[in-house]
Amino acid sequence: MFSLIDPQTLAIASVIVFLGALTQSLIGFGLAVVASPLLYIVDPQLVPAPVIVMGFSIALLTLLRERGHLEFNGLQYALLGRVPGGFIGASLLLFAPQPVLGLAIAAIVTVAVVLSLYKFSLPVNKTTLFGAGVISGIFGNIAAIGGPPMAILLAGKDASQFRAALSAFFIFSSAIALTILGITGLLEIKHFWLSLMLLPSVLLGYLVAGKLVGSVDKHKTKMATLALCAISALVLTVKSVIELLPQ
């Protein structure tokens, strides 16, 4: 199992996952947005399947904590949209070379950051939920970043309802994403072993967030998270462009 990744890479990846899990537990989303670009730089095999598995884990923990605030109304339409979106994302994974995927992940993170900075007032209905689900599926199966489209659409809810709704969506959408990756041959047993090795960092991030959730400034946390994401997207872009240049 430990031959899949060297100890130094595992240690770096564990810190990245801890920061992502801490962020998601505090503000409702962020594990994939924080972790995916950095993990792809560290070791491309960690994206997207292991991040999706870890996202499922933190979403389950968060939903257990916020279950009293869950309103599932309409989320089934978003989950329905995850299916075609997921197949589109998986198709791109199958045929795009690694540097191009790196650029795609960096672009998705950049879009997520920009959208998170601006407040969009969209009606929450069957059409917008389905559309957000499709975009979430594309982003999710390329980079495991399926949260921002739904986060923007559900931004009008209070903090507890927001975290609960997103967590419920993540749980089911992660299962859909992994199923699609399995069907398309992009999911291997090594991805589950890698996820297992990083799971302690997810649990630690969740537990630390539980101690901080009532005392941290959510807005400042969000701004710091978006700044980190923007920097990591820029680094991944530069790395990918260099790899695409003729040697």
Protein backbone atom coordinates (compact mmCIF):
# COMPACT_ATOMS: atom_id res chain seq x y z
CA MET A 1 0.00 0.00 0.00
CA PHE A 2 2.72 2.49 0.97
CA SER A 3 4.60 1.78 -2.25
CA LEU A 4 1.94 3.80 -4.08
CA ILE A 5 3.30 7.09 -2.74
CA ASP A 6 6.60 8.08 -1.13
CA PRO A 7 6.57 9.26 2.52
CA GLN A 8 7.51 12.87 1.74
CA THR A 9 4.74 13.22 -0.83
CA LEU A 10 2.28 11.59 1.57
CA ALA A 11 3.24 14.04 4.33
CA ILE A 12 2.76 17.06 2.04
CA ALA A 13 -0.53 15.68 0.73
CA SER A 14 -1.73 15.06 4.30
CA VAL A 15 -1.16 18.72 5.24
CA ILE A 16 -3.01 19.87 2.11
CA VAL A 17 -5.96 17.58 2.83
CA PHE A 18 -6.06 18.73 6.47
CA LEU A 19 -6.32 22.37 5.36
CA GLY A 20 -9.03 21.49 2.84
CA ALA A 21 -11.06 19.48 5.36
CA LEU A 22 -10.71 22.27 7.95
CA THR A 23 -11.95 24.83 5.42
CA GLN A 24 -14.92 22.74 4.29
CA SER A 25 -15.97 22.01 7.87
CA LEU A 26 -15.91 25.72 8.69
CA ILE A 27 -17.58 27.30 5.65
CA GLY A 28 -19.45 24.42 3.95
CA PHE A 29 -17.18 23.82 0.96
CA GLY A 30 -13.49 24.03 0.14
CA LEU A 31 -11.82 20.64 0.46
CA ALA A 32 -11.56 20.09 -3.27
CA VAL A 33 -11.05 23.76 -4.20
CA VAL A 34 -8.12 23.99 -1.80
CA ALA A 35 -6.71 20.50 -2.24
CA SER A 36 -7.15 19.59 -5.91
CA PRO A 37 -4.69 22.05 -7.55
CA LEU A 38 -2.08 21.53 -4.83
CA LEU A 39 -2.44 17.74 -4.84
CA TYR A 40 -2.22 17.67 -8.64
CA ILE A 41 1.10 19.50 -8.38
CA VAL A 42 2.33 17.09 -5.71
CA ASP A 43 1.08 13.87 -7.38
CA PRO A 44 -1.49 13.81 -10.24
CA GLN A 45 -2.83 10.36 -9.24
CA LEU A 46 -4.41 12.00 -6.18
CA VAL A 47 -6.93 13.85 -8.40
CA PRO A 48 -9.84 13.35 -8.87
CA ALA A 49 -10.82 9.97 -7.35
CA PRO A 50 -9.08 10.19 -3.93
CA VAL A 51 -10.29 13.79 -3.46
CA ILE A 52 -13.84 12.69 -4.27
CA VAL A 53 -13.62 9.88 -1.69
CA MET A 54 -12.30 12.30 0.93
CA GLY A 55 -14.97 14.82 -0.02
CA PHE A 56 -17.59 12.14 0.59
CA SER A 57 -16.10 11.47 4.04
CA ILE A 58 -16.07 15.09 5.19
CA ALA A 59 -19.55 15.68 3.77
CA LEU A 60 -20.89 12.71 5.73
CA LEU A 61 -19.33 13.97 8.95
CA THR A 62 -20.65 17.49 8.38
CA LEU A 63 -24.17 16.25 7.59
CA LEU A 64 -24.22 14.20 10.79
CA ARG A 65 -23.42 17.39 12.69
CA GLU A 66 -25.92 19.58 10.79
CA ARG A 67 -28.64 16.97 10.11
CA GLY A 68 -31.25 18.93 12.05
CA HIS A 69 -31.00 21.77 9.51
CA LEU A 70 -31.29 19.67 6.34
CA GLU A 71 -33.82 20.65 3.69
CA PHE A 72 -33.49 18.35 0.68
CA ASN A 73 -36.16 20.10 -1.42
CA GLY A 74 -35.09 20.19 -5.06
CA LEU A 75 -31.60 18.72 -4.64
CA GLN A 76 -32.69 15.66 -6.62
CA TYR A 77 -32.74 17.82 -9.77
CA ALA A 78 -29.14 18.87 -9.16
CA LEU A 79 -28.15 15.24 -8.63
CA LEU A 80 -29.85 14.33 -11.90
CA GLY A 81 -27.72 16.96 -13.63
CA ARG A 82 -24.57 15.40 -12.16
CA VAL A 83 -24.98 12.36 -14.41
CA PRO A 84 -24.54 13.94 -17.89
CA GLY A 85 -22.07 16.43 -16.46
CA GLY A 86 -20.06 13.62 -14.89
CA PHE A 87 -19.80 11.71 -18.17
CA ILE A 88 -18.63 14.87 -19.97
CA GLY A 89 -15.94 15.41 -17.33
CA ALA A 90 -14.84 11.76 -17.42
CA SER A 91 -14.55 11.89 -21.22
CA LEU A 92 -12.17 14.81 -20.95
CA LEU A 93 -10.10 12.89 -18.39
CA LEU A 94 -9.81 9.94 -20.77
CA PHE A 95 -8.42 11.85 -23.72
CA ALA A 96 -6.61 14.93 -22.41
CA PRO A 97 -2.84 14.75 -21.69
CA GLN A 98 -1.67 15.50 -18.15
CA PRO A 99 -0.51 19.13 -18.70
CA VAL A 100 -3.86 19.93 -20.36
CA LEU A 101 -5.68 18.44 -17.38
CA GLY A 102 -3.51 20.60 -15.13
CA LEU A 103 -4.61 23.68 -17.06
CA ALA A 104 -8.24 22.52 -16.86
CA ILE A 105 -8.01 22.10 -13.09
CA ALA A 106 -6.38 25.53 -12.73
CA ALA A 107 -9.13 27.08 -14.89
CA ILE A 108 -11.87 25.40 -12.83
CA VAL A 109 -10.31 26.67 -9.59
CA THR A 110 -10.03 30.18 -11.06
CA VAL A 111 -13.69 30.11 -12.13
CA ALA A 112 -14.65 28.86 -8.65
CA VAL A 113 -12.70 31.71 -7.02
CA VAL A 114 -14.23 34.39 -9.27
CA LEU A 115 -17.76 33.09 -8.80
CA SER A 116 -17.26 32.90 -5.04
CA LEU A 117 -16.22 36.57 -4.93
CA TYR A 118 -19.40 37.79 -6.55
CA LYS A 119 -22.92 37.34 -5.25
CA PHE A 120 -25.33 36.03 -7.85
CA SER A 121 -29.04 36.14 -7.17
CA LEU A 122 -30.42 33.20 -9.12
CA PRO A 123 -33.84 31.65 -8.57
CA VAL A 124 -33.65 28.19 -7.04
CA ASN A 125 -35.87 26.04 -9.24
CA LYS A 126 -35.76 22.79 -11.21
CA THR A 127 -33.94 24.37 -14.16
CA THR A 128 -31.24 26.17 -12.20
CA LEU A 129 -30.70 23.18 -9.92
CA PHE A 130 -30.31 20.86 -12.92
CA GLY A 131 -27.95 23.32 -14.64
CA ALA A 132 -25.84 23.70 -11.51
CA GLY A 133 -25.75 19.90 -11.26
CA VAL A 134 -24.45 19.55 -14.85
CA ILE A 135 -21.67 22.11 -14.26
CA SER A 136 -20.92 20.48 -10.92
CA GLY A 137 -20.62 17.10 -12.65
CA ILE A 138 -18.16 18.41 -15.26
CA PHE A 139 -16.04 20.18 -12.67
CA GLY A 140 -16.34 17.29 -10.22
CA ASN A 141 -15.15 14.53 -12.52
CA ILE A 142 -12.24 16.55 -13.89
CA ALA A 143 -10.99 18.12 -10.68
CA ALA A 144 -13.27 16.85 -7.87
CA ILE A 145 -14.48 20.46 -7.55
CA GLY A 146 -18.24 20.12 -7.71
CA GLY A 147 -19.16 22.47 -4.88
CA PRO A 148 -18.99 26.07 -6.19
CA PRO A 149 -21.95 25.91 -8.65
CA MET A 150 -24.20 24.57 -5.89
CA ALA A 151 -22.69 26.87 -3.26
CA ILE A 152 -23.55 29.91 -5.37
CA LEU A 153 -27.11 28.74 -6.01
CA LEU A 154 -27.78 27.92 -2.34
CA ALA A 155 -26.03 30.98 -0.92
CA GLY A 156 -29.30 32.47 0.36
CA LYS A 157 -29.70 29.83 3.06
CA ASP A 158 -28.45 30.41 6.60
CA ALA A 159 -25.06 28.95 7.49
CA SER A 160 -26.32 25.70 9.05
CA GLN A 161 -28.84 25.01 6.28
CA PHE A 162 -26.18 25.85 3.69
CA ARG A 163 -23.67 23.39 5.15
CA ALA A 164 -26.32 20.68 5.55
CA ALA A 165 -27.69 21.05 1.99
CA LEU A 166 -24.23 21.07 0.41
CA SER A 167 -23.14 18.09 2.48
CA ALA A 168 -26.18 16.07 1.41
CA PHE A 169 -25.49 16.99 -2.21
CA PHE A 170 -21.81 16.02 -1.87
CA ILE A 171 -22.65 12.61 -0.41
CA PHE A 172 -24.88 11.56 -3.29
CA SER A 173 -22.93 13.36 -6.01
CA SER A 174 -19.68 11.74 -4.87
CA ALA A 175 -21.26 8.31 -5.27
CA ILE A 176 -22.42 9.30 -8.77
CA ALA A 177 -18.97 10.63 -9.68
CA LEU A 178 -17.15 7.49 -8.48
CA THR A 179 -19.63 5.27 -10.33
CA ILE A 180 -19.00 7.18 -13.56
CA LEU A 181 -15.23 7.01 -13.06
CA GLY A 182 -15.58 3.25 -12.52
CA ILE A 183 -17.68 2.80 -15.67
CA THR A 184 -15.15 4.73 -17.75
CA GLY A 185 -12.17 2.81 -16.31
CA LEU A 186 -10.73 5.77 -14.44
CA LEU A 187 -11.18 4.31 -10.95
CA GLU A 188 -8.65 1.79 -9.63
CA ILE A 189 -8.12 0.05 -6.30
CA LYS A 190 -5.00 2.20 -5.73
CA HIS A 191 -7.22 5.26 -5.48
CA PHE A 192 -9.03 3.77 -2.48
CA TRP A 193 -5.71 2.90 -0.81
CA LEU A 194 -4.50 6.47 -1.34
CA SER A 195 -7.76 7.78 0.11
CA LEU A 196 -7.38 5.53 3.14
CA MET A 197 -3.89 6.88 3.81
CA LEU A 198 -5.17 10.46 3.71
CA LEU A 199 -8.37 9.86 5.69
CA PRO A 200 -6.75 10.67 9.09
CA SER A 201 -6.08 14.20 7.81
CA VAL A 202 -9.76 14.55 6.89
CA LEU A 203 -10.82 13.46 10.37
CA LEU A 204 -8.31 15.78 12.04
CA GLY A 205 -9.48 18.75 9.96
CA TYR A 206 -13.08 18.02 10.89
CA LEU A 207 -12.29 17.72 14.61
CA VAL A 208 -10.23 20.92 14.70
CA ALA A 209 -12.99 22.77 12.85
CA GLY A 210 -15.48 21.57 15.46
CA LYS A 211 -13.47 23.44 18.09
CA LEU A 212 -13.21 26.59 15.96
CA VAL A 213 -16.58 26.78 14.20
CA GLY A 214 -18.11 29.20 16.70
CA SER A 215 -15.10 31.47 17.08
CA VAL A 216 -13.62 32.10 13.62
CA ASP A 217 -14.64 34.86 11.23
CA LYS A 218 -16.28 33.00 8.32
CA HIS A 219 -15.73 35.88 5.89
CA LYS A 220 -12.02 36.18 6.63
CA THR A 221 -11.66 32.39 6.41
CA LYS A 222 -13.37 32.42 3.02
CA MET A 223 -11.17 35.25 1.72
CA ALA A 224 -7.98 33.52 2.90
CA THR A 225 -9.16 30.28 1.29
CA LEU A 226 -9.85 31.99 -2.04
CA ALA A 227 -6.45 33.69 -1.97
CA LEU A 228 -4.73 30.34 -1.41
CA CYS A 229 -6.77 28.80 -4.24
CA ALA A 230 -5.86 31.62 -6.63
CA ILE A 231 -2.15 31.23 -5.87
CA SER A 232 -2.26 27.44 -6.28
CA ALA A 233 -4.15 27.80 -9.59
CA LEU A 234 -1.48 30.21 -10.83
CA VAL A 235 1.33 27.84 -9.84
CA LEU A 236 -0.42 24.90 -11.53
CA THR A 237 -0.96 26.98 -14.67
CA VAL A 238 2.72 27.89 -14.89
CA LYS A 239 3.79 24.28 -14.27
CA SER A 240 1.41 22.95 -16.94
CA VAL A 241 2.42 25.54 -19.53
CA ILE A 242 6.11 24.73 -18.98
CA GLU A 243 5.34 21.03 -19.49
CA LEU A 244 3.53 21.82 -22.76
CA LEU A 245 6.45 23.82 -24.16
CA PRO A 246 8.83 21.99 -26.55
CA GLN A 247 11.80 20.62 -24.65
